[in-house]
Amino acid sequence: MEQSMDGLEERHANIINKIRNAKSFDILKDIEILHFCSFVLLQRNRTKQTKQEADELIDNIGKEILKAQVETGEIDPEIGDGVNILDIMDRFKITKENSLAFPMLQALTGVDLIKDLEVVVIENNTNKGFIISDHPIVHDNRRFKDEVERFLVGMQSRGLQVFVPISDEVQIMLYDPEAYIVDYSDKQERRVSTSSTEVIQSLNDMQMINAFENVFFREVGHGGELREVQGRLSNHIQEETTLFRNLEPDEHDFDTNNEIIESGYTAPDYSPYLPFVKQYVDVDFVVERQPHVNKKQSEFVKKLLADARQNAEDN
């Protein structure tokens, strides 16, 4: 998969350069907007942190399946010397080769999940540059994080915001237009120009909170300042950035009477200061902004996986 993406990466780089140089989203053609969406999804799902999250998810799901098979009698839990496998599950991990393959597949096929989001090109007119982390795509949900506990920052969540830094002068924010309204500096270009260091610092704070191991910045001599910021934000930096738990039918809002396994990103308990963004009050939270799109994408991914499985069996 990685080897086949060279042409796509070049296309993404050209699109990002166009936005960066023009500080505008209006210059993009329709097909380039779709490619920008795929860039955002890939940048979120192609990091070391996502690899760790995928490994943890595989381990958790594998152990849930193992427990279920023991309960139904499909597997004998006794593995010798009086040891029950359920008693030692914390001593081993269930793994899978190429654990990033499925997150990458979701990114490459999931453009429809976010193409309904609106765009803000945030132009930084301060002397403090944007920073970028090794896990740069940040999800937030300022509108609903004080009202809803779960499913806040999924790709289809009502109220989703996605922050995409592309240079020290330009950052993109995708947002749900049903939950927010933006006071643009230039609505045609979808640009907001800001001279507020508070805005820039708060967006940089989001990068610090979301970072896995590293942050990158252009200015020389800012390492000490960033270490101070890291200390200030220490209470907001979460060790566990993904959620995994079983939910009974009365604990979730999906159209099924079955228990589901909830897995997904957790929303940071910090939101940036964005005075040009206002929230709509009369809007309800839903986990799927467009249920038909979510269903279509899920069915498409299932077909791809089934075809790949069949191809592997044939060969």
C-alpha atoms as a PDB file:
ATOM      1  CA  MET A   1       0.000   0.000   0.000  1.00  0.00           C
ATOM      2  CA  GLU A   2       2.777   2.418   0.913  1.00  0.00           C
ATOM      3  CA  GLN A   3       4.646   1.723  -2.351  1.00  0.00           C
ATOM      4  CA  SER A   4       1.541   2.469  -4.408  1.00  0.00           C
ATOM      5  CA  MET A   5       1.035   5.918  -2.840  1.00  0.00           C
ATOM      6  CA  ASP A   6       3.945   7.829  -4.412  1.00  0.00           C
ATOM      7  CA  GLY A   7       1.734   9.496  -7.042  1.00  0.00           C
ATOM      8  CA  LEU A   8      -0.925  10.363  -4.469  1.00  0.00           C
ATOM      9  CA  GLU A   9       1.630  11.970  -2.154  1.00  0.00           C
ATOM     10  CA  GLU A  10       2.896  14.172  -4.980  1.00  0.00           C
ATOM     11  CA  ARG A  11      -0.666  15.248  -5.763  1.00  0.00           C
ATOM     12  CA  HIS A  12      -1.281  16.014  -2.094  1.00  0.00           C
ATOM     13  CA  ALA A  13       1.919  18.066  -1.881  1.00  0.00           C
ATOM     14  CA  ASN A  14       0.889  20.165  -4.894  1.00  0.00           C
ATOM     15  CA  ILE A  15      -2.532  20.868  -3.379  1.00  0.00           C
ATOM     16  CA  ILE A  16      -1.084  21.830   0.006  1.00  0.00           C
ATOM     17  CA  ASN A  17       1.402  24.158  -1.698  1.00  0.00           C
ATOM     18  CA  LYS A  18      -1.458  25.841  -3.594  1.00  0.00           C
ATOM     19  CA  ILE A  19      -3.364  26.499  -0.369  1.00  0.00           C
ATOM     20  CA  ARG A  20      -0.229  27.592   1.484  1.00  0.00           C
ATOM     21  CA  ASN A  21       0.867  30.047  -1.206  1.00  0.00           C
ATOM     22  CA  ALA A  22      -2.563  31.545  -1.940  1.00  0.00           C
ATOM     23  CA  LYS A  23      -3.864  31.335   1.653  1.00  0.00           C
ATOM     24  CA  SER A  24      -7.140  30.375   0.037  1.00  0.00           C
ATOM     25  CA  PHE A  25      -9.332  27.309  -0.424  1.00  0.00           C
ATOM     26  CA  ASP A  26     -11.328  28.799  -3.282  1.00  0.00           C
ATOM     27  CA  ILE A  27      -8.529  28.093  -5.760  1.00  0.00           C
ATOM     28  CA  LEU A  28      -9.052  24.328  -5.530  1.00  0.00           C
ATOM     29  CA  LYS A  29     -11.001  22.405  -8.136  1.00  0.00           C
ATOM     30  CA  ASP A  30     -13.633  19.908  -7.001  1.00  0.00           C
ATOM     31  CA  ILE A  31     -11.315  16.925  -7.530  1.00  0.00           C
ATOM     32  CA  GLU A  32      -8.560  18.708  -5.571  1.00  0.00           C
ATOM     33  CA  ILE A  33     -10.945  19.233  -2.655  1.00  0.00           C
ATOM     34  CA  LEU A  34     -11.558  15.487  -2.565  1.00  0.00           C
ATOM     35  CA  HIS A  35      -7.818  14.853  -2.625  1.00  0.00           C
ATOM     36  CA  PHE A  36      -7.381  17.348   0.219  1.00  0.00           C
ATOM     37  CA  CYS A  37      -9.907  15.331   2.243  1.00  0.00           C
ATOM     38  CA  SER A  38      -7.910  12.152   1.575  1.00  0.00           C
ATOM     39  CA  PHE A  39      -4.750  14.003   2.661  1.00  0.00           C
ATOM     40  CA  VAL A  40      -6.365  14.899   5.997  1.00  0.00           C
ATOM     41  CA  LEU A  41      -7.512  11.323   6.602  1.00  0.00           C
ATOM     42  CA  LEU A  42      -4.135   9.859   5.683  1.00  0.00           C
ATOM     43  CA  GLN A  43      -2.250  12.306   7.884  1.00  0.00           C
ATOM     44  CA  ARG A  44      -4.434  11.226  10.810  1.00  0.00           C
ATOM     45  CA  ASN A  45      -4.100   7.489  10.149  1.00  0.00           C
ATOM     46  CA  ARG A  46      -0.473   7.232   9.050  1.00  0.00           C
ATOM     47  CA  THR A  47       1.428   8.010  12.228  1.00  0.00           C
ATOM     48  CA  LYS A  48       3.302   6.119  14.896  1.00  0.00           C
ATOM     49  CA  GLN A  49       0.555   6.915  17.379  1.00  0.00           C
ATOM     50  CA  THR A  50      -2.114   5.440  15.090  1.00  0.00           C
ATOM     51  CA  LYS A  51       0.032   2.299  14.763  1.00  0.00           C
ATOM     52  CA  GLN A  52       0.051   2.007  18.564  1.00  0.00           C
ATOM     53  CA  GLU A  53      -3.709   2.633  18.703  1.00  0.00           C
ATOM     54  CA  ALA A  54      -4.329  -0.026  16.026  1.00  0.00           C
ATOM     55  CA  ASP A  55      -2.174  -2.537  17.926  1.00  0.00           C
ATOM     56  CA  GLU A  56      -4.116  -1.859  21.136  1.00  0.00           C
ATOM     57  CA  LEU A  57      -7.439  -2.205  19.329  1.00  0.00           C
ATOM     58  CA  ILE A  58      -6.424  -5.538  17.774  1.00  0.00           C
ATOM     59  CA  ASP A  59      -5.307  -6.817  21.187  1.00  0.00           C
ATOM     60  CA  ASN A  60      -8.549  -5.694  22.854  1.00  0.00           C
ATOM     61  CA  ILE A  61     -10.840  -7.093  20.170  1.00  0.00           C
ATOM     62  CA  GLY A  62      -8.865 -10.324  19.982  1.00  0.00           C
ATOM     63  CA  LYS A  63      -9.202 -10.863  23.714  1.00  0.00           C
ATOM     64  CA  GLU A  64     -12.935 -10.083  23.636  1.00  0.00           C
ATOM     65  CA  ILE A  65     -13.359 -12.712  20.916  1.00  0.00           C
ATOM     66  CA  LEU A  66     -11.277 -15.157  22.936  1.00  0.00           C
ATOM     67  CA  LYS A  67     -13.466 -14.601  26.020  1.00  0.00           C
ATOM     68  CA  ALA A  68     -16.616 -15.117  23.957  1.00  0.00           C
ATOM     69  CA  GLN A  69     -15.264 -18.362  22.495  1.00  0.00           C
ATOM     70  CA  VAL A  70     -14.436 -19.636  25.965  1.00  0.00           C
ATOM     71  CA  GLU A  71     -17.958 -18.766  27.160  1.00  0.00           C
ATOM     72  CA  THR A  72     -19.585 -20.646  24.235  1.00  0.00           C
ATOM     73  CA  GLY A  73     -17.310 -23.655  24.683  1.00  0.00           C
ATOM     74  CA  GLU A  74     -15.543 -23.238  21.340  1.00  0.00           C
ATOM     75  CA  ILE A  75     -12.195 -23.011  23.137  1.00  0.00           C
ATOM     76  CA  ASP A  76     -10.963 -24.890  26.191  1.00  0.00           C
ATOM     77  CA  PRO A  77      -9.446 -22.236  28.484  1.00  0.00           C
ATOM     78  CA  GLU A  78      -7.149 -24.747  30.204  1.00  0.00           C
ATOM     79  CA  ILE A  79      -3.706 -24.563  28.575  1.00  0.00           C
ATOM     80  CA  GLY A  80      -1.842 -26.999  30.817  1.00  0.00           C
ATOM     81  CA  ASP A  81      -0.434 -27.218  34.333  1.00  0.00           C
ATOM     82  CA  GLY A  82      -3.771 -25.977  35.708  1.00  0.00           C
ATOM     83  CA  VAL A  83      -3.412 -22.594  33.986  1.00  0.00           C
ATOM     84  CA  ASN A  84      -6.542 -20.908  32.650  1.00  0.00           C
ATOM     85  CA  ILE A  85      -5.883 -18.594  29.702  1.00  0.00           C
ATOM     86  CA  LEU A  86      -8.396 -16.073  31.020  1.00  0.00           C
ATOM     87  CA  ASP A  87      -6.277 -15.640  34.153  1.00  0.00           C
ATOM     88  CA  ILE A  88      -3.124 -14.671  32.257  1.00  0.00           C
ATOM     89  CA  MET A  89      -4.491 -12.400  29.525  1.00  0.00           C
ATOM     90  CA  ASP A  90      -2.594  -9.424  30.880  1.00  0.00           C
ATOM     91  CA  ARG A  91       0.677 -11.306  30.233  1.00  0.00           C
ATOM     92  CA  PHE A  92       0.375 -11.483  26.439  1.00  0.00           C
ATOM     93  CA  LYS A  93      -0.738  -9.382  23.474  1.00  0.00           C
ATOM     94  CA  ILE A  94      -2.671 -10.484  20.424  1.00  0.00           C
ATOM     95  CA  THR A  95      -0.998  -8.981  17.364  1.00  0.00           C
ATOM     96  CA  LYS A  96      -1.424  -8.816  13.616  1.00  0.00           C
ATOM     97  CA  GLU A  97       1.036  -8.051  10.861  1.00  0.00           C
ATOM     98  CA  ASN A  98       0.504  -4.732   9.058  1.00  0.00           C
ATOM     99  CA  SER A  99      -1.846  -3.396  11.712  1.00  0.00           C
ATOM    100  CA  LEU A 100      -1.917  -0.011   9.942  1.00  0.00           C
ATOM    101  CA  ALA A 101      -3.397  -1.547   6.797  1.00  0.00           C
ATOM    102  CA  PHE A 102      -7.011  -1.138   7.903  1.00  0.00           C
ATOM    103  CA  PRO A 103      -6.658   2.489   9.165  1.00  0.00           C
ATOM    104  CA  MET A 104      -4.951   3.313   5.855  1.00  0.00           C
ATOM    105  CA  LEU A 105      -7.758   1.627   3.926  1.00  0.00           C
ATOM    106  CA  GLN A 106     -10.315   3.624   5.905  1.00  0.00           C
ATOM    107  CA  ALA A 107      -8.436   6.834   5.062  1.00  0.00           C
ATOM    108  CA  LEU A 108      -8.192   6.057   1.353  1.00  0.00           C
ATOM    109  CA  THR A 109     -11.881   5.161   1.060  1.00  0.00           C
ATOM    110  CA  GLY A 110     -13.386   7.545   3.619  1.00  0.00           C
ATOM    111  CA  VAL A 111     -13.425  10.887   1.786  1.00  0.00           C
ATOM    112  CA  ASP A 112     -17.239  11.003   1.767  1.00  0.00           C
ATOM    113  CA  LEU A 113     -17.213  10.932   5.575  1.00  0.00           C
ATOM    114  CA  ILE A 114     -15.764  14.450   5.853  1.00  0.00           C
ATOM    115  CA  LYS A 115     -16.443  16.183   2.547  1.00  0.00           C
ATOM    116  CA  ASP A 116     -19.589  17.773   4.046  1.00  0.00           C
ATOM    117  CA  LEU A 117     -17.414  19.769   6.465  1.00  0.00           C
ATOM    118  CA  GLU A 118     -16.790  23.460   5.785  1.00  0.00           C
ATOM    119  CA  VAL A 119     -13.327  25.015   5.685  1.00  0.00           C
ATOM    120  CA  VAL A 120     -11.464  27.895   7.295  1.00  0.00           C
ATOM    121  CA  VAL A 121      -7.980  28.888   6.151  1.00  0.00           C
ATOM    122  CA  ILE A 122      -6.463  30.500   9.255  1.00  0.00           C
ATOM    123  CA  GLU A 123      -3.794  33.010   8.241  1.00  0.00           C
ATOM    124  CA  ASN A 124      -1.269  33.739  10.974  1.00  0.00           C
ATOM    125  CA  ASN A 125      -0.259  37.414  10.956  1.00  0.00           C
ATOM    126  CA  THR A 126       1.698  37.293  14.226  1.00  0.00           C
ATOM    127  CA  ASN A 127       5.407  36.807  14.844  1.00  0.00           C
ATOM    128  CA  LYS A 128       4.652  33.468  16.554  1.00  0.00           C
ATOM    129  CA  GLY A 129       4.636  30.631  14.038  1.00  0.00           C
ATOM    130  CA  PHE A 130       2.356  27.624  14.034  1.00  0.00           C
ATOM    131  CA  ILE A 131       4.041  24.447  15.281  1.00  0.00           C
ATOM    132  CA  ILE A 132       3.325  20.920  14.092  1.00  0.00           C
ATOM    133  CA  SER A 133       3.568  17.612  15.926  1.00  0.00           C
ATOM    134  CA  ASP A 134       4.279  14.048  14.837  1.00  0.00           C
ATOM    135  CA  HIS A 135       0.510  13.426  15.144  1.00  0.00           C
ATOM    136  CA  PRO A 136      -0.683  16.666  13.546  1.00  0.00           C
ATOM    137  CA  ILE A 137      -4.377  16.173  12.745  1.00  0.00           C
ATOM    138  CA  VAL A 138      -6.337  17.199  15.830  1.00  0.00           C
ATOM    139  CA  HIS A 139     -10.047  16.457  16.334  1.00  0.00           C
ATOM    140  CA  ASP A 140     -12.207  18.505  18.681  1.00  0.00           C
ATOM    141  CA  ASN A 141     -15.897  19.119  19.356  1.00  0.00           C
ATOM    142  CA  ARG A 142     -16.256  22.400  21.222  1.00  0.00           C
ATOM    143  CA  ARG A 143     -20.021  22.490  20.697  1.00  0.00           C
ATOM    144  CA  PHE A 144     -20.902  19.225  22.437  1.00  0.00           C
ATOM    145  CA  LYS A 145     -18.004  18.217  24.693  1.00  0.00           C
ATOM    146  CA  ASP A 146     -19.758  19.644  27.755  1.00  0.00           C
ATOM    147  CA  GLU A 147     -23.026  17.843  26.908  1.00  0.00           C
ATOM    148  CA  VAL A 148     -22.029  14.443  25.498  1.00  0.00           C
ATOM    149  CA  GLU A 149     -19.559  11.891  26.818  1.00  0.00           C
ATOM    150  CA  ARG A 150     -19.016   9.528  23.866  1.00  0.00           C
ATOM    151  CA  PHE A 151     -18.495   9.484  20.096  1.00  0.00           C
ATOM    152  CA  LEU A 152     -17.555  13.168  20.073  1.00  0.00           C
ATOM    153  CA  VAL A 153     -14.738  13.187  17.551  1.00  0.00           C
ATOM    154  CA  GLY A 154     -15.608  10.470  15.065  1.00  0.00           C
ATOM    155  CA  MET A 155     -15.468  11.427  11.387  1.00  0.00           C
ATOM    156  CA  GLN A 156     -19.270  11.650  11.258  1.00  0.00           C
ATOM    157  CA  SER A 157     -19.915  13.205  14.686  1.00  0.00           C
ATOM    158  CA  ARG A 158     -22.148  16.267  14.798  1.00  0.00           C
ATOM    159  CA  GLY A 159     -20.052  19.246  15.908  1.00  0.00           C
ATOM    160  CA  LEU A 160     -16.730  17.849  14.666  1.00  0.00           C
ATOM    161  CA  GLN A 161     -13.780  20.203  14.195  1.00  0.00           C
ATOM    162  CA  VAL A 162     -10.533  19.073  12.540  1.00  0.00           C
ATOM    163  CA  PHE A 163      -7.322  21.138  12.728  1.00  0.00           C
ATOM    164  CA  VAL A 164      -4.701  20.715   9.983  1.00  0.00           C
ATOM    165  CA  PRO A 165      -1.471  22.761  10.240  1.00  0.00           C
ATOM    166  CA  ILE A 166       0.281  23.065   6.856  1.00  0.00           C
ATOM    167  CA  SER A 167       2.939  25.716   7.560  1.00  0.00           C
ATOM    168  CA  ASP A 168       4.051  28.159  10.236  1.00  0.00           C
ATOM    169  CA  GLU A 169       1.722  30.761   8.647  1.00  0.00           C
ATOM    170  CA  VAL A 170      -1.313  28.705   7.623  1.00  0.00           C
ATOM    171  CA  GLN A 171      -3.582  26.231   9.382  1.00  0.00           C
ATOM    172  CA  ILE A 172      -6.816  24.702   8.086  1.00  0.00           C
ATOM    173  CA  MET A 173      -9.867  24.082  10.240  1.00  0.00           C
ATOM    174  CA  LEU A 174     -12.625  21.806   8.972  1.00  0.00           C
ATOM    175  CA  TYR A 175     -15.895  22.239  10.826  1.00  0.00           C
ATOM    176  CA  ASP A 176     -19.483  21.052  10.871  1.00  0.00           C
ATOM    177  CA  PRO A 177     -21.573  23.908   9.411  1.00  0.00           C
ATOM    178  CA  GLU A 178     -24.664  22.664  11.269  1.00  0.00           C
ATOM    179  CA  ALA A 179     -22.946  23.359  14.603  1.00  0.00           C
ATOM    180  CA  TYR A 180     -20.776  26.432  13.939  1.00  0.00           C
ATOM    181  CA  ILE A 181     -20.797  29.691  12.025  1.00  0.00           C
ATOM    182  CA  VAL A 182     -17.555  31.464  11.103  1.00  0.00           C
ATOM    183  CA  ASP A 183     -16.939  35.198  10.751  1.00  0.00           C
ATOM    184  CA  TYR A 184     -14.587  35.103   7.754  1.00  0.00           C
ATOM    185  CA  SER A 185     -12.173  37.893   6.891  1.00  0.00           C
ATOM    186  CA  ASP A 186     -12.708  36.859   3.259  1.00  0.00           C
ATOM    187  CA  LYS A 187     -15.640  34.507   2.768  1.00  0.00           C
ATOM    188  CA  GLN A 188     -14.887  33.865  -0.905  1.00  0.00           C
ATOM    189  CA  GLU A 189     -11.376  32.666  -0.068  1.00  0.00           C
ATOM    190  CA  ARG A 190     -12.673  31.042   3.167  1.00  0.00           C
ATOM    191  CA  ARG A 191      -9.924  32.845   5.013  1.00  0.00           C
ATOM    192  CA  VAL A 192      -9.707  34.226   8.524  1.00  0.00           C
ATOM    193  CA  SER A 193      -6.712  36.485   9.118  1.00  0.00           C
ATOM    194  CA  THR A 194      -5.670  36.847  12.739  1.00  0.00           C
ATOM    195  CA  SER A 195      -3.123  38.979  14.568  1.00  0.00           C
ATOM    196  CA  SER A 196      -4.019  37.435  17.917  1.00  0.00           C
ATOM    197  CA  THR A 197      -1.139  35.617  19.583  1.00  0.00           C
ATOM    198  CA  GLU A 198      -3.717  34.078  21.919  1.00  0.00           C
ATOM    199  CA  VAL A 199      -5.398  32.347  18.958  1.00  0.00           C
ATOM    200  CA  ILE A 200      -2.073  31.099  17.605  1.00  0.00           C
ATOM    201  CA  GLN A 201      -0.862  29.914  21.004  1.00  0.00           C
ATOM    202  CA  SER A 202      -4.073  28.018  21.669  1.00  0.00           C
ATOM    203  CA  LEU A 203      -3.819  26.232  18.303  1.00  0.00           C
ATOM    204  CA  ASN A 204      -0.195  25.402  19.110  1.00  0.00           C
ATOM    205  CA  ASP A 205      -1.381  24.095  22.467  1.00  0.00           C
ATOM    206  CA  MET A 206      -3.579  21.608  20.588  1.00  0.00           C
ATOM    207  CA  GLN A 207      -0.490  20.325  18.779  1.00  0.00           C
ATOM    208  CA  MET A 208       1.377  19.943  22.072  1.00  0.00           C
ATOM    209  CA  ILE A 209      -1.517  18.038  23.614  1.00  0.00           C
ATOM    210  CA  ASN A 210      -1.931  15.784  20.578  1.00  0.00           C
ATOM    211  CA  ALA A 211       1.775  15.059  20.021  1.00  0.00           C
ATOM    212  CA  PHE A 212       2.992  11.490  20.351  1.00  0.00           C
ATOM    213  CA  GLU A 213       6.732  12.082  20.840  1.00  0.00           C
ATOM    214  CA  ASN A 214       7.846  15.218  18.975  1.00  0.00           C
ATOM    215  CA  VAL A 215       6.839  18.738  17.981  1.00  0.00           C
ATOM    216  CA  PHE A 216       8.515  20.746  15.212  1.00  0.00           C
ATOM    217  CA  PHE A 217       8.915  24.511  14.895  1.00  0.00           C
ATOM    218  CA  ARG A 218      10.788  26.909  12.627  1.00  0.00           C
ATOM    219  CA  GLU A 219      12.000  29.552  15.083  1.00  0.00           C
ATOM    220  CA  VAL A 220      15.378  29.042  16.731  1.00  0.00           C
ATOM    221  CA  GLY A 221      15.583  29.140  20.522  1.00  0.00           C
ATOM    222  CA  HIS A 222      11.986  28.227  21.319  1.00  0.00           C
ATOM    223  CA  GLY A 223      12.750  24.854  22.894  1.00  0.00           C
ATOM    224  CA  GLY A 224      12.713  26.245  26.423  1.00  0.00           C
ATOM    225  CA  GLU A 225       9.443  28.070  25.828  1.00  0.00           C
ATOM    226  CA  LEU A 226       7.820  24.886  24.498  1.00  0.00           C
ATOM    227  CA  ARG A 227       8.977  22.936  27.542  1.00  0.00           C
ATOM    228  CA  GLU A 228       7.261  25.534  29.734  1.00  0.00           C
ATOM    229  CA  VAL A 229       4.106  25.187  27.623  1.00  0.00           C
ATOM    230  CA  GLN A 230       4.268  21.426  28.007  1.00  0.00           C
ATOM    231  CA  GLY A 231       4.335  21.856  31.771  1.00  0.00           C
ATOM    232  CA  ARG A 232       1.378  24.229  31.637  1.00  0.00           C
ATOM    233  CA  LEU A 233      -0.604  21.728  29.563  1.00  0.00           C
ATOM    234  CA  SER A 234       0.442  18.604  31.470  1.00  0.00           C
ATOM    235  CA  ASN A 235      -3.024  18.101  32.968  1.00  0.00           C
ATOM    236  CA  HIS A 236      -4.560  18.071  29.491  1.00  0.00           C
ATOM    237  CA  ILE A 237      -2.156  15.543  27.956  1.00  0.00           C
ATOM    238  CA  GLN A 238      -3.811  12.128  28.008  1.00  0.00           C
ATOM    239  CA  GLU A 239      -1.885   8.890  28.229  1.00  0.00           C
ATOM    240  CA  GLU A 240      -4.787   7.037  26.626  1.00  0.00           C
ATOM    241  CA  THR A 241      -5.998   8.735  23.450  1.00  0.00           C
ATOM    242  CA  THR A 242      -8.323   5.939  22.354  1.00  0.00           C
ATOM    243  CA  LEU A 243     -11.360   4.471  24.038  1.00  0.00           C
ATOM    244  CA  PHE A 244     -12.322   0.787  24.159  1.00  0.00           C
ATOM    245  CA  ARG A 245     -15.308  -0.612  26.051  1.00  0.00           C
ATOM    246  CA  ASN A 246     -18.433  -2.726  25.655  1.00  0.00           C
ATOM    247  CA  LEU A 247     -21.778  -0.938  25.543  1.00  0.00           C
ATOM    248  CA  GLU A 248     -25.166  -2.507  26.165  1.00  0.00           C
ATOM    249  CA  PRO A 249     -28.074  -1.574  23.826  1.00  0.00           C
ATOM    250  CA  ASP A 250     -29.363   1.079  26.238  1.00  0.00           C
ATOM    251  CA  GLU A 251     -25.910   2.678  26.411  1.00  0.00           C
ATOM    252  CA  HIS A 252     -25.494   3.582  22.733  1.00  0.00           C
ATOM    253  CA  ASP A 253     -27.474   5.361  20.005  1.00  0.00           C
ATOM    254  CA  PHE A 254     -26.800   3.038  17.067  1.00  0.00           C
ATOM    255  CA  ASP A 255     -29.645   1.308  15.221  1.00  0.00           C
ATOM    256  CA  THR A 256     -29.143  -2.150  16.738  1.00  0.00           C
ATOM    257  CA  ASN A 257     -30.352  -4.077  19.759  1.00  0.00           C
ATOM    258  CA  ASN A 258     -26.991  -5.782  20.127  1.00  0.00           C
ATOM    259  CA  GLU A 259     -24.119  -4.967  22.422  1.00  0.00           C
ATOM    260  CA  ILE A 260     -21.416  -3.029  20.592  1.00  0.00           C
ATOM    261  CA  ILE A 261     -17.685  -2.575  21.131  1.00  0.00           C
ATOM    262  CA  GLU A 262     -16.944   1.132  21.305  1.00  0.00           C
ATOM    263  CA  SER A 263     -13.548   2.203  20.070  1.00  0.00           C
ATOM    264  CA  GLY A 264     -12.453   5.624  18.985  1.00  0.00           C
ATOM    265  CA  TYR A 265     -10.579   8.796  19.735  1.00  0.00           C
ATOM    266  CA  THR A 266     -11.135  10.701  22.948  1.00  0.00           C
ATOM    267  CA  ALA A 267     -11.800  14.429  22.784  1.00  0.00           C
ATOM    268  CA  PRO A 268      -9.185  16.623  24.461  1.00  0.00           C
ATOM    269  CA  ASP A 269     -10.428  18.471  27.534  1.00  0.00           C
ATOM    270  CA  TYR A 270      -8.949  21.645  26.024  1.00  0.00           C
ATOM    271  CA  SER A 271     -10.260  23.703  23.105  1.00  0.00           C
ATOM    272  CA  PRO A 272      -8.518  26.534  21.260  1.00  0.00           C
ATOM    273  CA  TYR A 273      -9.520  30.175  21.586  1.00  0.00           C
ATOM    274  CA  LEU A 274     -11.276  31.007  18.290  1.00  0.00           C
ATOM    275  CA  PRO A 275     -13.270  34.260  18.646  1.00  0.00           C
ATOM    276  CA  PHE A 276     -14.280  34.115  14.966  1.00  0.00           C
ATOM    277  CA  VAL A 277     -16.217  30.864  15.525  1.00  0.00           C
ATOM    278  CA  LYS A 278     -19.704  30.943  17.011  1.00  0.00           C
ATOM    279  CA  GLN A 279     -21.867  27.969  17.989  1.00  0.00           C
ATOM    280  CA  TYR A 280     -25.432  27.209  16.989  1.00  0.00           C
ATOM    281  CA  VAL A 281     -27.619  26.549  20.012  1.00  0.00           C
ATOM    282  CA  ASP A 282     -30.605  24.762  18.436  1.00  0.00           C
ATOM    283  CA  VAL A 283     -28.774  21.693  17.154  1.00  0.00           C
ATOM    284  CA  ASP A 284     -28.845  18.163  18.543  1.00  0.00           C
ATOM    285  CA  PHE A 285     -25.936  15.774  18.759  1.00  0.00           C
ATOM    286  CA  VAL A 286     -25.898  12.705  16.508  1.00  0.00           C
ATOM    287  CA  VAL A 287     -23.126  10.163  16.032  1.00  0.00           C
ATOM    288  CA  GLU A 288     -23.723  10.069  12.270  1.00  0.00           C
ATOM    289  CA  ARG A 289     -24.271  13.341  10.420  1.00  0.00           C
ATOM    290  CA  GLN A 290     -25.071  11.373   7.260  1.00  0.00           C
ATOM    291  CA  PRO A 291     -26.109   7.795   8.106  1.00  0.00           C
ATOM    292  CA  HIS A 292     -26.410   6.821   4.431  1.00  0.00           C
ATOM    293  CA  VAL A 293     -22.811   7.892   3.794  1.00  0.00           C
ATOM    294  CA  ASN A 294     -21.536   5.971   6.809  1.00  0.00           C
ATOM    295  CA  LYS A 295     -23.419   2.866   5.679  1.00  0.00           C
ATOM    296  CA  LYS A 296     -22.157   3.154   2.105  1.00  0.00           C
ATOM    297  CA  GLN A 297     -18.549   3.537   3.223  1.00  0.00           C
ATOM    298  CA  SER A 298     -18.828   0.604   5.636  1.00  0.00           C
ATOM    299  CA  GLU A 299     -20.283  -1.651   2.920  1.00  0.00           C
ATOM    300  CA  PHE A 300     -17.559  -0.594   0.476  1.00  0.00           C
ATOM    301  CA  VAL A 301     -14.769  -1.390   2.952  1.00  0.00           C
ATOM    302  CA  LYS A 302     -16.368  -4.768   3.743  1.00  0.00           C
ATOM    303  CA  LYS A 303     -16.444  -5.603   0.022  1.00  0.00           C
ATOM    304  CA  LEU A 304     -12.803  -4.614  -0.398  1.00  0.00           C
ATOM    305  CA  LEU A 305     -11.807  -6.813   2.543  1.00  0.00           C
ATOM    306  CA  ALA A 306     -13.894  -9.731   1.239  1.00  0.00           C
ATOM    307  CA  ASP A 307     -12.308  -9.436  -2.228  1.00  0.00           C
ATOM    308  CA  ALA A 308      -8.830  -9.286  -0.679  1.00  0.00           C
ATOM    309  CA  ARG A 309      -9.588 -12.331   1.479  1.00  0.00           C
ATOM    310  CA  GLN A 310     -10.871 -14.271  -1.539  1.00  0.00           C
ATOM    311  CA  ASN A 311      -7.832 -13.296  -3.558  1.00  0.00           C
ATOM    312  CA  ALA A 312      -5.535 -14.495  -0.766  1.00  0.00           C
ATOM    313  CA  GLU A 313      -7.371 -17.814  -0.563  1.00  0.00           C
ATOM    314  CA  ASP A 314      -7.215 -18.284  -4.347  1.00  0.00           C
ATOM    315  CA  ASN A 315      -3.478 -17.742  -4.296  1.00  0.00           C
END
